[in-house]
Amino acid sequence: MLRNFLKPVYAHCDLPCGIYETDTMTHATATCAKMVEKILSYGEIDSTEKNNNFIRAIQIKEEHAQKVKDQLYILWSDYFKPEHLEKFPNLHTIFWQTVKQASAVKQHVSEEECQKLTVMVEKIAAMFADSKK
């Protein structure tokens, strides 16, 4: 029965193990967007409970935006090799801009900034998938 729930997964380490994935950064990006949605929904902070949830949502957004950056750096530096530049000549620019966008998500409480990051991470995930063909 457990076999029905199993799917191939990709992870990474600095060995290097040769196993990489983009699900973690995709999930972290979605978490940032959800936290921004929650933060904006709180309105006036008129109770300790609301203040506590507001602070926790900010902290979660910060942690997940940093996780996006960390995952990008690992994929960029460990997975992609010089030979990938032939297929993706703008690889370095795309990664650099996406890391900068993750920083913008950390700096602002903005649905627009989260949406930009989502699109950029999706582009990198597509590049990663295409590189494996």
N, C-alpha and C. Protein backbone atom coordinates (compact mmCIF):
# COMPACT_ATOMS: atom_id res chain seq x y z
N MET A 1 0.82 -1.20 0.00
CA MET A 1 0.00 0.00 0.00
C MET A 1 0.86 1.26 0.00
N LEU A 2 1.94 1.26 0.78
CA LEU A 2 2.83 2.41 0.84
C LEU A 2 3.45 2.71 -0.52
N ARG A 3 3.68 1.70 -1.30
CA ARG A 3 4.28 1.87 -2.61
C ARG A 3 3.45 2.82 -3.49
N ASN A 4 2.16 2.86 -3.32
CA ASN A 4 1.29 3.74 -4.11
C ASN A 4 1.55 5.21 -3.83
N PHE A 5 2.11 5.51 -2.66
CA PHE A 5 2.35 6.90 -2.29
C PHE A 5 3.77 7.36 -2.58
N LEU A 6 4.61 6.44 -2.95
CA LEU A 6 6.00 6.79 -3.20
C LEU A 6 6.15 7.42 -4.58
N LYS A 7 7.00 8.40 -4.64
CA LYS A 7 7.33 9.02 -5.91
C LYS A 7 8.81 9.33 -5.89
N PRO A 8 9.43 9.43 -7.05
CA PRO A 8 10.86 9.79 -7.04
C PRO A 8 11.04 11.17 -6.46
N VAL A 9 12.06 11.33 -5.66
CA VAL A 9 12.38 12.63 -5.09
C VAL A 9 13.84 12.94 -5.38
N TYR A 10 14.15 14.20 -5.34
CA TYR A 10 15.50 14.64 -5.60
C TYR A 10 15.95 15.49 -4.43
N ALA A 11 17.12 15.24 -3.92
CA ALA A 11 17.69 16.01 -2.83
C ALA A 11 19.10 16.39 -3.23
N HIS A 12 19.83 16.98 -2.34
CA HIS A 12 21.20 17.35 -2.68
C HIS A 12 22.05 17.40 -1.42
N CYS A 13 23.32 17.32 -1.63
CA CYS A 13 24.28 17.46 -0.55
C CYS A 13 25.59 17.93 -1.17
N ASP A 14 26.53 18.25 -0.35
CA ASP A 14 27.80 18.75 -0.86
C ASP A 14 28.83 17.64 -1.09
N LEU A 15 28.38 16.40 -1.16
CA LEU A 15 29.32 15.31 -1.37
C LEU A 15 30.01 15.41 -2.72
N PRO A 16 29.55 15.73 -3.83
CA PRO A 16 28.14 15.87 -4.22
C PRO A 16 27.51 14.52 -4.56
N CYS A 17 26.27 14.38 -4.19
CA CYS A 17 25.57 13.12 -4.40
C CYS A 17 24.99 13.03 -5.81
N GLY A 18 24.81 14.19 -6.46
CA GLY A 18 24.26 14.19 -7.81
C GLY A 18 22.75 14.16 -7.84
N ILE A 19 22.12 14.35 -6.69
CA ILE A 19 20.66 14.34 -6.63
C ILE A 19 20.21 15.76 -6.25
N TYR A 20 19.41 16.38 -7.11
CA TYR A 20 18.97 17.76 -6.91
C TYR A 20 17.47 17.86 -7.16
N GLU A 21 16.84 18.94 -6.67
CA GLU A 21 15.41 19.13 -6.84
C GLU A 21 15.05 20.61 -6.78
N THR A 22 13.84 20.94 -7.23
CA THR A 22 13.35 22.32 -7.16
C THR A 22 12.07 22.42 -6.34
N ASP A 23 11.58 21.29 -5.84
CA ASP A 23 10.33 21.31 -5.06
C ASP A 23 10.45 22.15 -3.80
N THR A 24 11.59 22.10 -3.14
CA THR A 24 11.76 22.84 -1.88
C THR A 24 11.62 24.34 -2.11
N MET A 25 12.27 24.86 -3.16
CA MET A 25 12.17 26.31 -3.40
C MET A 25 10.77 26.69 -3.89
N THR A 26 10.12 25.80 -4.62
CA THR A 26 8.76 26.07 -5.09
C THR A 26 7.81 26.14 -3.89
N HIS A 27 7.94 25.21 -2.98
CA HIS A 27 7.11 25.19 -1.78
C HIS A 27 7.39 26.41 -0.91
N ALA A 28 8.66 26.76 -0.75
CA ALA A 28 9.02 27.92 0.06
C ALA A 28 8.46 29.21 -0.54
N THR A 29 8.48 29.30 -1.86
CA THR A 29 7.92 30.47 -2.54
C THR A 29 6.41 30.58 -2.29
N ALA A 30 5.72 29.46 -2.37
CA ALA A 30 4.27 29.44 -2.10
C ALA A 30 3.98 29.81 -0.66
N THR A 31 4.84 29.39 0.25
CA THR A 31 4.68 29.73 1.66
C THR A 31 4.83 31.23 1.87
N CYS A 32 5.79 31.84 1.21
CA CYS A 32 5.95 33.31 1.30
C CYS A 32 4.67 34.01 0.87
N ALA A 33 4.14 33.58 -0.26
CA ALA A 33 2.92 34.22 -0.78
C ALA A 33 1.75 34.05 0.20
N LYS A 34 1.63 32.88 0.78
CA LYS A 34 0.53 32.63 1.74
C LYS A 34 0.71 33.49 2.99
N MET A 35 1.95 33.65 3.44
CA MET A 35 2.19 34.47 4.63
C MET A 35 1.88 35.94 4.35
N VAL A 36 2.24 36.42 3.17
CA VAL A 36 1.91 37.80 2.81
C VAL A 36 0.39 37.99 2.79
N GLU A 37 -0.31 37.02 2.23
CA GLU A 37 -1.78 37.07 2.22
C GLU A 37 -2.32 37.18 3.65
N LYS A 38 -1.80 36.36 4.55
CA LYS A 38 -2.24 36.39 5.95
C LYS A 38 -1.89 37.73 6.61
N ILE A 39 -0.67 38.19 6.41
CA ILE A 39 -0.23 39.46 7.01
C ILE A 39 -1.14 40.59 6.59
N LEU A 40 -1.45 40.66 5.31
CA LEU A 40 -2.30 41.73 4.80
C LEU A 40 -3.74 41.61 5.29
N SER A 41 -4.15 40.41 5.65
CA SER A 41 -5.53 40.22 6.10
C SER A 41 -5.75 40.63 7.56
N TYR A 42 -4.68 40.80 8.33
CA TYR A 42 -4.83 41.09 9.75
C TYR A 42 -5.41 42.47 10.03
N GLY A 43 -5.17 43.41 9.15
CA GLY A 43 -5.68 44.76 9.39
C GLY A 43 -5.07 45.34 10.65
N GLU A 44 -5.89 46.04 11.41
CA GLU A 44 -5.41 46.67 12.64
C GLU A 44 -5.07 45.58 13.67
N ILE A 45 -3.90 45.70 14.26
CA ILE A 45 -3.46 44.75 15.28
C ILE A 45 -4.02 45.24 16.62
N ASP A 46 -5.15 44.66 17.01
CA ASP A 46 -5.86 45.15 18.19
C ASP A 46 -5.93 44.12 19.32
N SER A 47 -5.12 43.07 19.21
CA SER A 47 -5.09 42.09 20.29
C SER A 47 -3.73 41.41 20.34
N THR A 48 -3.43 40.87 21.48
CA THR A 48 -2.16 40.14 21.65
C THR A 48 -2.12 38.95 20.71
N GLU A 49 -3.23 38.26 20.58
CA GLU A 49 -3.31 37.08 19.70
C GLU A 49 -3.03 37.47 18.24
N LYS A 50 -3.64 38.54 17.79
CA LYS A 50 -3.42 38.99 16.42
C LYS A 50 -1.98 39.44 16.22
N ASN A 51 -1.42 40.13 17.22
CA ASN A 51 -0.03 40.57 17.16
C ASN A 51 0.91 39.36 17.09
N ASN A 52 0.63 38.35 17.89
CA ASN A 52 1.44 37.14 17.89
C ASN A 52 1.41 36.47 16.51
N ASN A 53 0.24 36.33 15.94
CA ASN A 53 0.11 35.70 14.63
C ASN A 53 0.77 36.54 13.53
N PHE A 54 0.66 37.85 13.66
CA PHE A 54 1.30 38.76 12.71
C PHE A 54 2.81 38.56 12.73
N ILE A 55 3.39 38.54 13.92
CA ILE A 55 4.84 38.37 14.06
C ILE A 55 5.27 37.01 13.55
N ARG A 56 4.51 35.97 13.86
CA ARG A 56 4.85 34.63 13.40
C ARG A 56 4.79 34.55 11.87
N ALA A 57 3.81 35.19 11.27
CA ALA A 57 3.69 35.17 9.80
C ALA A 57 4.88 35.88 9.16
N ILE A 58 5.31 36.98 9.74
CA ILE A 58 6.49 37.68 9.23
C ILE A 58 7.71 36.77 9.33
N GLN A 59 7.88 36.13 10.48
CA GLN A 59 9.03 35.25 10.68
C GLN A 59 9.02 34.10 9.68
N ILE A 60 7.88 33.50 9.45
CA ILE A 60 7.78 32.39 8.50
C ILE A 60 8.10 32.87 7.09
N LYS A 61 7.59 34.05 6.72
CA LYS A 61 7.89 34.61 5.39
C LYS A 61 9.39 34.80 5.23
N GLU A 62 10.03 35.36 6.25
CA GLU A 62 11.48 35.59 6.21
C GLU A 62 12.25 34.28 6.06
N GLU A 63 11.89 33.29 6.86
CA GLU A 63 12.59 32.00 6.82
C GLU A 63 12.44 31.33 5.46
N HIS A 64 11.26 31.38 4.90
CA HIS A 64 11.04 30.71 3.62
C HIS A 64 11.66 31.47 2.45
N ALA A 65 11.69 32.79 2.52
CA ALA A 65 12.39 33.55 1.47
C ALA A 65 13.88 33.23 1.51
N GLN A 66 14.43 33.08 2.71
CA GLN A 66 15.83 32.69 2.84
C GLN A 66 16.04 31.27 2.33
N LYS A 67 15.08 30.40 2.58
CA LYS A 67 15.19 29.02 2.08
C LYS A 67 15.22 29.01 0.55
N VAL A 68 14.41 29.87 -0.08
CA VAL A 68 14.45 30.00 -1.54
C VAL A 68 15.87 30.37 -1.98
N LYS A 69 16.44 31.38 -1.33
CA LYS A 69 17.79 31.82 -1.68
C LYS A 69 18.80 30.68 -1.50
N ASP A 70 18.70 29.98 -0.40
CA ASP A 70 19.64 28.88 -0.13
C ASP A 70 19.52 27.80 -1.20
N GLN A 71 18.30 27.44 -1.56
CA GLN A 71 18.09 26.41 -2.57
C GLN A 71 18.58 26.87 -3.94
N LEU A 72 18.37 28.13 -4.25
CA LEU A 72 18.87 28.67 -5.52
C LEU A 72 20.38 28.59 -5.58
N TYR A 73 21.05 29.01 -4.50
CA TYR A 73 22.51 28.99 -4.48
C TYR A 73 23.05 27.58 -4.68
N ILE A 74 22.43 26.61 -4.04
CA ILE A 74 22.90 25.22 -4.17
C ILE A 74 22.72 24.72 -5.59
N LEU A 75 21.55 24.94 -6.15
CA LEU A 75 21.29 24.48 -7.52
C LEU A 75 22.22 25.18 -8.50
N TRP A 76 22.37 26.49 -8.31
CA TRP A 76 23.20 27.30 -9.20
C TRP A 76 24.66 26.87 -9.13
N SER A 77 25.17 26.70 -7.93
CA SER A 77 26.61 26.43 -7.80
C SER A 77 26.97 24.95 -7.91
N ASP A 78 26.08 24.06 -7.51
CA ASP A 78 26.43 22.64 -7.46
C ASP A 78 25.88 21.83 -8.63
N TYR A 79 24.68 22.15 -9.09
CA TYR A 79 24.08 21.34 -10.16
C TYR A 79 24.49 21.84 -11.54
N PHE A 80 24.21 23.11 -11.81
CA PHE A 80 24.46 23.63 -13.15
C PHE A 80 25.97 23.77 -13.39
N LYS A 81 26.38 23.29 -14.52
CA LYS A 81 27.80 23.24 -14.91
C LYS A 81 28.02 24.12 -16.14
N PRO A 82 29.28 24.40 -16.48
CA PRO A 82 29.56 25.23 -17.66
C PRO A 82 28.87 24.73 -18.94
N GLU A 83 28.75 23.42 -19.08
CA GLU A 83 28.10 22.91 -20.30
C GLU A 83 26.62 23.28 -20.38
N HIS A 84 25.99 23.61 -19.26
CA HIS A 84 24.59 24.03 -19.29
C HIS A 84 24.44 25.43 -19.90
N LEU A 85 25.52 26.20 -19.89
CA LEU A 85 25.45 27.56 -20.44
C LEU A 85 25.19 27.56 -21.95
N GLU A 86 25.55 26.51 -22.62
CA GLU A 86 25.24 26.42 -24.05
C GLU A 86 23.73 26.38 -24.26
N LYS A 87 23.07 25.60 -23.44
CA LYS A 87 21.61 25.45 -23.55
C LYS A 87 20.89 26.65 -22.94
N PHE A 88 21.46 27.21 -21.88
CA PHE A 88 20.84 28.33 -21.15
C PHE A 88 21.86 29.47 -21.02
N PRO A 89 22.09 30.24 -22.08
CA PRO A 89 23.13 31.27 -22.04
C PRO A 89 22.88 32.37 -21.00
N ASN A 90 21.63 32.55 -20.58
CA ASN A 90 21.31 33.57 -19.58
C ASN A 90 21.12 32.97 -18.19
N LEU A 91 21.63 31.77 -17.97
CA LEU A 91 21.48 31.05 -16.70
C LEU A 91 21.93 31.90 -15.51
N HIS A 92 23.12 32.46 -15.58
CA HIS A 92 23.64 33.24 -14.46
C HIS A 92 22.77 34.45 -14.16
N THR A 93 22.33 35.12 -15.20
CA THR A 93 21.48 36.30 -15.01
C THR A 93 20.15 35.92 -14.38
N ILE A 94 19.56 34.83 -14.84
CA ILE A 94 18.27 34.39 -14.29
C ILE A 94 18.42 34.03 -12.81
N PHE A 95 19.44 33.29 -12.46
CA PHE A 95 19.64 32.93 -11.06
C PHE A 95 19.90 34.17 -10.21
N TRP A 96 20.77 35.06 -10.70
CA TRP A 96 21.10 36.26 -9.94
C TRP A 96 19.84 37.10 -9.70
N GLN A 97 19.03 37.28 -10.74
CA GLN A 97 17.81 38.07 -10.61
C GLN A 97 16.81 37.40 -9.66
N THR A 98 16.75 36.08 -9.68
CA THR A 98 15.83 35.37 -8.81
C THR A 98 16.26 35.46 -7.35
N VAL A 99 17.54 35.37 -7.09
CA VAL A 99 18.05 35.55 -5.73
C VAL A 99 17.72 36.97 -5.25
N LYS A 100 17.91 37.95 -6.10
CA LYS A 100 17.58 39.34 -5.75
C LYS A 100 16.08 39.48 -5.47
N GLN A 101 15.26 38.75 -6.25
CA GLN A 101 13.81 38.82 -6.04
C GLN A 101 13.43 38.18 -4.71
N ALA A 102 14.09 37.10 -4.33
CA ALA A 102 13.83 36.50 -3.01
C ALA A 102 14.17 37.51 -1.91
N SER A 103 15.21 38.29 -2.11
CA SER A 103 15.53 39.35 -1.15
C SER A 103 14.43 40.40 -1.10
N ALA A 104 13.86 40.73 -2.25
CA ALA A 104 12.76 41.70 -2.29
C ALA A 104 11.55 41.17 -1.51
N VAL A 105 11.31 39.87 -1.58
CA VAL A 105 10.20 39.28 -0.82
C VAL A 105 10.48 39.39 0.68
N LYS A 106 11.73 39.25 1.06
CA LYS A 106 12.09 39.42 2.48
C LYS A 106 11.88 40.87 2.91
N GLN A 107 12.20 41.81 2.03
CA GLN A 107 12.19 43.23 2.38
C GLN A 107 10.80 43.85 2.41
N HIS A 108 9.86 43.25 1.72
CA HIS A 108 8.53 43.86 1.56
C HIS A 108 7.42 42.88 1.93
N VAL A 109 6.28 43.42 2.23
CA VAL A 109 5.07 42.62 2.40
C VAL A 109 4.22 42.95 1.17
N SER A 110 4.48 42.19 0.10
CA SER A 110 3.90 42.53 -1.19
C SER A 110 3.50 41.27 -1.96
N GLU A 111 2.23 41.19 -2.29
CA GLU A 111 1.76 40.07 -3.12
C GLU A 111 2.42 40.12 -4.50
N GLU A 112 2.64 41.33 -5.01
CA GLU A 112 3.28 41.49 -6.33
C GLU A 112 4.71 40.94 -6.33
N GLU A 113 5.46 41.23 -5.28
CA GLU A 113 6.84 40.72 -5.20
C GLU A 113 6.83 39.20 -5.10
N CYS A 114 5.88 38.64 -4.36
CA CYS A 114 5.76 37.18 -4.27
C CYS A 114 5.41 36.57 -5.61
N GLN A 115 4.52 37.20 -6.34
CA GLN A 115 4.14 36.68 -7.66
C GLN A 115 5.33 36.71 -8.62
N LYS A 116 6.11 37.77 -8.58
CA LYS A 116 7.31 37.84 -9.42
C LYS A 116 8.26 36.68 -9.08
N LEU A 117 8.44 36.43 -7.78
CA LEU A 117 9.31 35.34 -7.36
C LEU A 117 8.77 34.00 -7.83
N THR A 118 7.49 33.80 -7.74
CA THR A 118 6.86 32.55 -8.18
C THR A 118 7.16 32.30 -9.65
N VAL A 119 6.98 33.31 -10.48
CA VAL A 119 7.23 33.18 -11.91
C VAL A 119 8.70 32.85 -12.17
N MET A 120 9.58 33.51 -11.45
CA MET A 120 11.02 33.29 -11.65
C MET A 120 11.44 31.88 -11.20
N VAL A 121 10.92 31.43 -10.08
CA VAL A 121 11.24 30.08 -9.60
C VAL A 121 10.68 29.04 -10.56
N GLU A 122 9.50 29.28 -11.09
CA GLU A 122 8.93 28.36 -12.09
C GLU A 122 9.83 28.27 -13.32
N LYS A 123 10.40 29.39 -13.72
CA LYS A 123 11.31 29.41 -14.87
C LYS A 123 12.55 28.58 -14.58
N ILE A 124 13.10 28.72 -13.38
CA ILE A 124 14.27 27.93 -13.01
C ILE A 124 13.92 26.45 -12.92
N ALA A 125 12.76 26.14 -12.36
CA ALA A 125 12.34 24.74 -12.29
C ALA A 125 12.20 24.15 -13.69
N ALA A 126 11.71 24.93 -14.63
CA ALA A 126 11.58 24.46 -16.01
C ALA A 126 12.96 24.26 -16.64
N MET A 127 13.88 25.17 -16.38
CA MET A 127 15.25 25.02 -16.87
C MET A 127 15.89 23.75 -16.31
N PHE A 128 15.68 23.54 -15.03
CA PHE A 128 16.23 22.35 -14.36
C PHE A 128 15.66 21.09 -15.01
N ALA A 129 14.35 21.04 -15.19
CA ALA A 129 13.71 19.88 -15.81
C ALA A 129 14.23 19.68 -17.23
N ASP A 130 14.34 20.77 -17.96
CA ASP A 130 14.84 20.70 -19.35
C ASP A 130 16.29 20.24 -19.40
N SER A 131 17.07 20.58 -18.41
CA SER A 131 18.49 20.20 -18.40
C SER A 131 18.67 18.69 -18.20
N LYS A 132 17.67 18.04 -17.68
CA LYS A 132 17.75 16.61 -17.41
C LYS A 132 17.35 15.76 -18.61
N LYS A 133 16.88 16.40 -19.68
CA LYS A 133 16.44 15.67 -20.88
C LYS A 133 17.62 15.22 -21.71
